C-alpha atoms as a PDB file:
ATOM      1  CA  MET A   1       0.022   0.086  -0.058  1.00  0.00           C
ATOM      2  CA  GLY A   2       1.211   3.458  -0.774  1.00  0.00           C
ATOM      3  CA  HIS A   3       0.844   5.026   2.523  1.00  0.00           C
ATOM      4  CA  MET A   4       2.962   2.510   4.525  1.00  0.00           C
ATOM      5  CA  SER A   5       5.979   4.785   4.806  1.00  0.00           C
ATOM      6  CA  THR A   6       3.971   7.462   6.659  1.00  0.00           C
ATOM      7  CA  LEU A   7       2.653   4.947   9.149  1.00  0.00           C
ATOM      8  CA  ARG A   8       4.182   4.860  12.792  1.00  0.00           C
ATOM      9  CA  GLU A   9       5.899   1.638  13.550  1.00  0.00           C
ATOM     10  CA  ARG A  10       3.518  -0.680  15.431  1.00  0.00           C
ATOM     11  CA  PHE A  11       0.912   1.995  15.451  1.00  0.00           C
ATOM     12  CA  TRP A  12      -2.013  -0.758  15.841  1.00  0.00           C
ATOM     13  CA  GLU A  13      -0.846  -1.128  19.346  1.00  0.00           C
ATOM     14  CA  LEU A  14      -1.609   2.365  20.281  1.00  0.00           C
ATOM     15  CA  PRO A  15      -5.110   3.382  21.637  1.00  0.00           C
ATOM     16  CA  LEU A  16      -7.478   3.895  18.812  1.00  0.00           C
ATOM     17  CA  GLY A  17      -7.852   7.643  19.764  1.00  0.00           C
ATOM     18  CA  GLU A  18      -4.155   8.287  19.071  1.00  0.00           C
ATOM     19  CA  LEU A  19      -4.276   7.020  15.476  1.00  0.00           C
ATOM     20  CA  ASP A  20      -4.150   9.539  12.540  1.00  0.00           C
ATOM     21  CA  ARG A  21      -6.343   9.056   9.674  1.00  0.00           C
ATOM     22  CA  ALA A  22      -4.026   6.979   7.490  1.00  0.00           C
ATOM     23  CA  GLU A  23      -3.349   4.712  10.448  1.00  0.00           C
ATOM     24  CA  TRP A  24      -7.042   4.497  11.201  1.00  0.00           C
ATOM     25  CA  GLU A  25      -7.642   3.287   7.584  1.00  0.00           C
ATOM     26  CA  ALA A  26      -4.747   0.888   7.480  1.00  0.00           C
ATOM     27  CA  LEU A  27      -6.232  -0.923  10.425  1.00  0.00           C
ATOM     28  CA  CYS A  28      -8.787  -2.415   8.281  1.00  0.00           C
ATOM     29  CA  ASP A  29      -8.031  -6.213   7.646  1.00  0.00           C
ATOM     30  CA  GLY A  30      -9.928  -5.952   4.398  1.00  0.00           C
ATOM     31  CA  CYS A  31     -12.442  -9.028   5.271  1.00  0.00           C
ATOM     32  CA  GLY A  32     -15.441  -7.074   3.820  1.00  0.00           C
ATOM     33  CA  ARG A  33     -17.882  -8.176   6.262  1.00  0.00           C
ATOM     34  CA  CYS A  34     -18.909  -4.667   7.033  1.00  0.00           C
ATOM     35  CA  CYS A  35     -19.946  -4.339   3.418  1.00  0.00           C
ATOM     36  CA  THR A  36     -22.602  -6.977   3.692  1.00  0.00           C
ATOM     37  CA  HIS A  37     -26.154  -6.382   4.285  1.00  0.00           C
ATOM     38  CA  LYS A  38     -27.693  -7.204   7.683  1.00  0.00           C
ATOM     39  CA  ILE A  39     -31.279  -7.742   8.711  1.00  0.00           C
ATOM     40  CA  GLU A  40     -32.449  -6.138  12.014  1.00  0.00           C
ATOM     41  CA  ASP A  41     -35.618  -7.880  13.772  1.00  0.00           C
ATOM     42  CA  ALA A  42     -37.905  -5.002  14.399  1.00  0.00           C
ATOM     43  CA  ASP A  43     -39.329  -6.622  17.515  1.00  0.00           C
ATOM     44  CA  THR A  44     -36.189  -7.986  19.221  1.00  0.00           C
ATOM     45  CA  GLY A  45     -33.311  -5.815  17.724  1.00  0.00           C
ATOM     46  CA  GLU A  46     -31.449  -9.120  16.911  1.00  0.00           C
ATOM     47  CA  ILE A  47     -29.313  -8.759  13.839  1.00  0.00           C
ATOM     48  CA  GLU A  48     -28.892 -11.498  11.277  1.00  0.00           C
ATOM     49  CA  GLU A  49     -26.205 -11.448   8.773  1.00  0.00           C
ATOM     50  CA  THR A  50     -26.463 -12.199   4.995  1.00  0.00           C
ATOM     51  CA  ASN A  51     -24.068 -13.165   2.161  1.00  0.00           C
ATOM     52  CA  VAL A  52     -25.228 -10.159   0.338  1.00  0.00           C
ATOM     53  CA  SER A  53     -22.756  -7.376  -0.341  1.00  0.00           C
ATOM     54  CA  CYS A  54     -23.026  -3.759  -1.237  1.00  0.00           C
ATOM     55  CA  LYS A  55     -23.148  -3.182  -5.007  1.00  0.00           C
ATOM     56  CA  LEU A  56     -19.511  -1.494  -4.800  1.00  0.00           C
ATOM     57  CA  LEU A  57     -17.860  -4.567  -3.075  1.00  0.00           C
ATOM     58  CA  ASP A  58     -15.791  -6.487  -5.480  1.00  0.00           C
ATOM     59  CA  THR A  59     -17.142  -9.960  -4.566  1.00  0.00           C
ATOM     60  CA  SER A  60     -13.899 -11.679  -5.640  1.00  0.00           C
ATOM     61  CA  THR A  61     -11.546  -9.553  -3.562  1.00  0.00           C
ATOM     62  CA  ALA A  62     -13.751  -8.263  -0.922  1.00  0.00           C
ATOM     63  CA  ARG A  63     -12.461  -4.546  -1.587  1.00  0.00           C
ATOM     64  CA  CYS A  64     -14.555  -1.637  -2.344  1.00  0.00           C
ATOM     65  CA  ARG A  65     -14.528  -0.675  -6.043  1.00  0.00           C
ATOM     66  CA  ASP A  66     -14.672   3.058  -5.094  1.00  0.00           C
ATOM     67  CA  TYR A  67     -13.868   3.511  -1.521  1.00  0.00           C
ATOM     68  CA  ARG A  68     -13.072   7.158  -1.827  1.00  0.00           C
ATOM     69  CA  ASN A  69     -16.396   8.065  -3.346  1.00  0.00           C
ATOM     70  CA  ARG A  70     -18.530   5.372  -1.802  1.00  0.00           C
ATOM     71  CA  LYS A  71     -20.804   7.694   0.092  1.00  0.00           C
ATOM     72  CA  ALA A  72     -21.845   9.167  -3.163  1.00  0.00           C
ATOM     73  CA  PHE A  73     -23.064   5.999  -4.683  1.00  0.00           C
ATOM     74  CA  VAL A  74     -24.309   4.370  -1.457  1.00  0.00           C
ATOM     75  CA  PRO A  75     -25.528   7.060   0.977  1.00  0.00           C
ATOM     76  CA  ASP A  76     -26.083   4.851   3.715  1.00  0.00           C
ATOM     77  CA  CYS A  77     -22.688   3.352   3.835  1.00  0.00           C
ATOM     78  CA  LEU A  78     -21.428   3.553   7.418  1.00  0.00           C
ATOM     79  CA  ARG A  79     -18.156   5.413   7.852  1.00  0.00           C
ATOM     80  CA  LEU A  80     -16.665   3.728  10.912  1.00  0.00           C
ATOM     81  CA  THR A  81     -15.097   6.298  13.172  1.00  0.00           C
ATOM     82  CA  MET A  82     -13.553   6.341  16.725  1.00  0.00           C
ATOM     83  CA  ALA A  83     -16.749   7.962  18.092  1.00  0.00           C
ATOM     84  CA  ILE A  84     -19.067   5.111  16.917  1.00  0.00           C
ATOM     85  CA  VAL A  85     -16.974   2.077  16.831  1.00  0.00           C
ATOM     86  CA  LYS A  86     -18.065   0.736  20.276  1.00  0.00           C
ATOM     87  CA  ASP A  87     -21.617   1.372  19.242  1.00  0.00           C
ATOM     88  CA  VAL A  88     -21.865  -0.786  16.096  1.00  0.00           C
ATOM     89  CA  PRO A  89     -23.111  -4.236  17.306  1.00  0.00           C
ATOM     90  CA  TRP A  90     -22.738  -5.892  14.013  1.00  0.00           C
ATOM     91  CA  LEU A  91     -18.901  -5.550  13.671  1.00  0.00           C
ATOM     92  CA  PRO A  92     -17.556  -9.160  13.535  1.00  0.00           C
ATOM     93  CA  THR A  93     -15.631 -10.272  16.632  1.00  0.00           C
ATOM     94  CA  THR A  94     -12.547 -10.568  14.291  1.00  0.00           C
ATOM     95  CA  CYS A  95     -12.678  -6.863  13.290  1.00  0.00           C
ATOM     96  CA  ALA A  96      -9.599  -4.998  14.044  1.00  0.00           C
ATOM     97  CA  TYR A  97     -11.415  -1.878  15.186  1.00  0.00           C
ATOM     98  CA  ARG A  98     -13.720  -3.897  17.582  1.00  0.00           C
ATOM     99  CA  LEU A  99     -10.598  -5.688  18.856  1.00  0.00           C
ATOM    100  CA  ARG A 100      -8.461  -2.620  19.484  1.00  0.00           C
ATOM    101  CA  ALA A 101     -11.444  -0.644  20.870  1.00  0.00           C
ATOM    102  CA  ALA A 102     -11.552  -3.331  23.441  1.00  0.00           C
ATOM    103  CA  GLY A 103      -7.852  -3.241  24.101  1.00  0.00           C
ATOM    104  CA  ARG A 104      -7.299  -6.596  22.607  1.00  0.00           C
ATOM    105  CA  PRO A 105      -4.418  -7.414  20.154  1.00  0.00           C
ATOM    106  CA  LEU A 106      -4.768  -8.119  16.277  1.00  0.00           C
ATOM    107  CA  PRO A 107      -5.026 -11.749  15.338  1.00  0.00           C
ATOM    108  CA  GLU A 108      -1.959 -13.366  13.875  1.00  0.00           C
ATOM    109  CA  TRP A 109      -3.512 -13.355  10.376  1.00  0.00           C
ATOM    110  CA  HIS A 110      -4.128  -9.574  10.073  1.00  0.00           C
ATOM    111  CA  TYR A 111      -1.684  -8.324   7.493  1.00  0.00           C
ATOM    112  CA  LEU A 112      -0.139  -5.749   9.810  1.00  0.00           C
ATOM    113  CA  ILE A 113       1.049  -8.472  12.055  1.00  0.00           C
ATOM    114  CA  CYS A 114       2.093 -11.024   9.345  1.00  0.00           C
ATOM    115  CA  GLY A 115       2.676  -8.726   6.444  1.00  0.00           C
ATOM    116  CA  ASP A 116       0.424 -10.755   4.025  1.00  0.00           C
ATOM    117  CA  ARG A 117      -2.882  -9.140   2.751  1.00  0.00           C
ATOM    118  CA  ASP A 118      -4.267 -12.599   1.610  1.00  0.00           C
ATOM    119  CA  ALA A 119      -3.979 -14.145   5.195  1.00  0.00           C
ATOM    120  CA  VAL A 120      -7.280 -12.813   6.075  1.00  0.00           C
ATOM    121  CA  HIS A 121      -8.810 -14.931   3.037  1.00  0.00           C
ATOM    122  CA  ARG A 122      -6.750 -18.015   4.050  1.00  0.00           C
ATOM    123  CA  ALA A 123      -8.021 -17.700   7.666  1.00  0.00           C
ATOM    124  CA  GLY A 124     -11.581 -17.918   6.413  1.00  0.00           C
ATOM    125  CA  VAL A 125     -12.321 -14.426   7.719  1.00  0.00           C
ATOM    126  CA  SER A 126     -12.945 -12.718   4.362  1.00  0.00           C
ATOM    127  CA  VAL A 127     -16.273 -12.737   2.397  1.00  0.00           C
ATOM    128  CA  ALA A 128     -14.180 -12.736  -0.825  1.00  0.00           C
ATOM    129  CA  GLY A 129     -15.663 -15.605  -3.155  1.00  0.00           C
ATOM    130  CA  ARG A 130     -18.481 -16.012  -0.464  1.00  0.00           C
ATOM    131  CA  VAL A 131     -20.895 -13.211  -1.246  1.00  0.00           C
ATOM    132  CA  ILE A 132     -23.370 -12.147  -3.874  1.00  0.00           C
ATOM    133  CA  SER A 133     -23.828  -8.577  -5.024  1.00  0.00           C
ATOM    134  CA  GLU A 134     -27.039  -6.759  -3.868  1.00  0.00           C
ATOM    135  CA  THR A 135     -27.655  -6.162  -7.628  1.00  0.00           C
ATOM    136  CA  ASP A 136     -28.068  -9.962  -8.190  1.00  0.00           C
ATOM    137  CA  ALA A 137     -29.342 -11.261  -4.814  1.00  0.00           C
ATOM    138  CA  GLY A 138     -32.912 -10.892  -4.646  1.00  0.00           C
ATOM    139  CA  PRO A 139     -34.697 -10.761  -1.126  1.00  0.00           C
ATOM    140  CA  LEU A 140     -32.331 -10.442   1.755  1.00  0.00           C
ATOM    141  CA  GLU A 141     -34.365 -12.935   3.798  1.00  0.00           C
ATOM    142  CA  HIS A 142     -33.202 -15.732   1.159  1.00  0.00           C
ATOM    143  CA  HIS A 143     -29.432 -14.997   2.123  1.00  0.00           C
ATOM    144  CA  VAL A 144     -29.292 -15.118   5.874  1.00  0.00           C
ATOM    145  CA  ILE A 145     -26.087 -16.986   7.024  1.00  0.00           C
ATOM    146  CA  GLU A 146     -23.793 -17.342  10.124  1.00  0.00           C
ATOM    147  CA  TRP A 147     -20.202 -16.688   9.308  1.00  0.00           C
ATOM    148  CA  SER A 148     -17.833 -19.367  10.553  1.00  0.00           C
ATOM    149  CA  PRO A 149     -14.944 -18.505  12.864  1.00  0.00           C
ATOM    150  CA  PRO A 150     -11.610 -18.053  11.674  1.00  0.00           C
ATOM    151  CA  ARG A 151      -9.841 -21.366  10.501  1.00  0.00           C
ATOM    152  CA  GLN A 152      -7.325 -22.924  12.974  1.00  0.00           C
ATOM    153  CA  GLY A 153      -5.155 -24.513  10.430  1.00  0.00           C
ATOM    154  CA  TRP A 154      -4.905 -21.629   7.953  1.00  0.00           C
ATOM    155  CA  ARG A 155      -1.091 -21.555   8.085  1.00  0.00           C
ATOM    156  CA  GLU A 156      -0.772 -25.279   7.470  1.00  0.00           C
ATOM    157  CA  ALA A 157      -3.150 -25.193   4.585  1.00  0.00           C
ATOM    158  CA  ALA A 158      -1.260 -22.312   2.958  1.00  0.00           C
ATOM    159  CA  ALA A 159       1.997 -24.307   3.502  1.00  0.00           C
ATOM    160  CA  GLN A 160       0.695 -27.254   1.735  1.00  0.00           C
ATOM    161  CA  GLY A 161      -0.618 -25.059  -1.325  1.00  0.00           C
ATOM    162  CA  GLU A 162      -4.243 -25.516  -0.348  1.00  0.00           C
ATOM    163  CA  ALA A 163      -4.724 -21.877  -0.487  1.00  0.00           C
ATOM    164  CA  SER A 164      -4.439 -19.154  -3.038  1.00  0.00           C
ATOM    165  CA  ARG A 165      -0.679 -18.615  -2.308  1.00  0.00           C
ATOM    166  CA  GLU A 166       2.127 -21.037  -1.798  1.00  0.00           C
ATOM    167  CA  GLU A 167       3.720 -19.289   1.196  1.00  0.00           C
ATOM    168  CA  PRO A 168       2.084 -19.144   4.644  1.00  0.00           C
ATOM    169  CA  CYS A 169       2.079 -15.883   6.458  1.00  0.00           C
ATOM    170  CA  GLU A 170       5.300 -15.610   8.355  1.00  0.00           C
ATOM    171  CA  ALA A 171       5.077 -13.910  11.689  1.00  0.00           C
ATOM    172  CA  PRO A 172       7.606 -11.035  12.295  1.00  0.00           C
END
């Protein structure tokens, strides 16, 4: 990524309130789960997840096709900020923002820890290749799912060539 030279060393260990904008943005692991539609039960407030993504999400990479201008195309796209991070109940338990807001460390598969942007996919945390665009999906109720927790043997699978890359994520 182009901004890496301006980021402070091990900035992800700092309290979220001390991060600058570039560091805040760099904290994202790129899983894409925040870009999927959720259904909230009007009576109970319970939130169900779906495998339906925003129209801007590239379903094969889990990256936004126009991140900089996304609010112009998707006005209800949530811009996650320090002020609201603790108040967004549907952030996945693996979310770097949620983890750091709770004072917890990043997982070993996070690219800031292991240096590999594809580790999030091998760990089974990413929605890449597992979602359908809202432009093709039909009724959200037909797409309710439960995401599985991160894979335990993701390093071994990568080492054996069962993943998209031959090399496992190496811890620093």
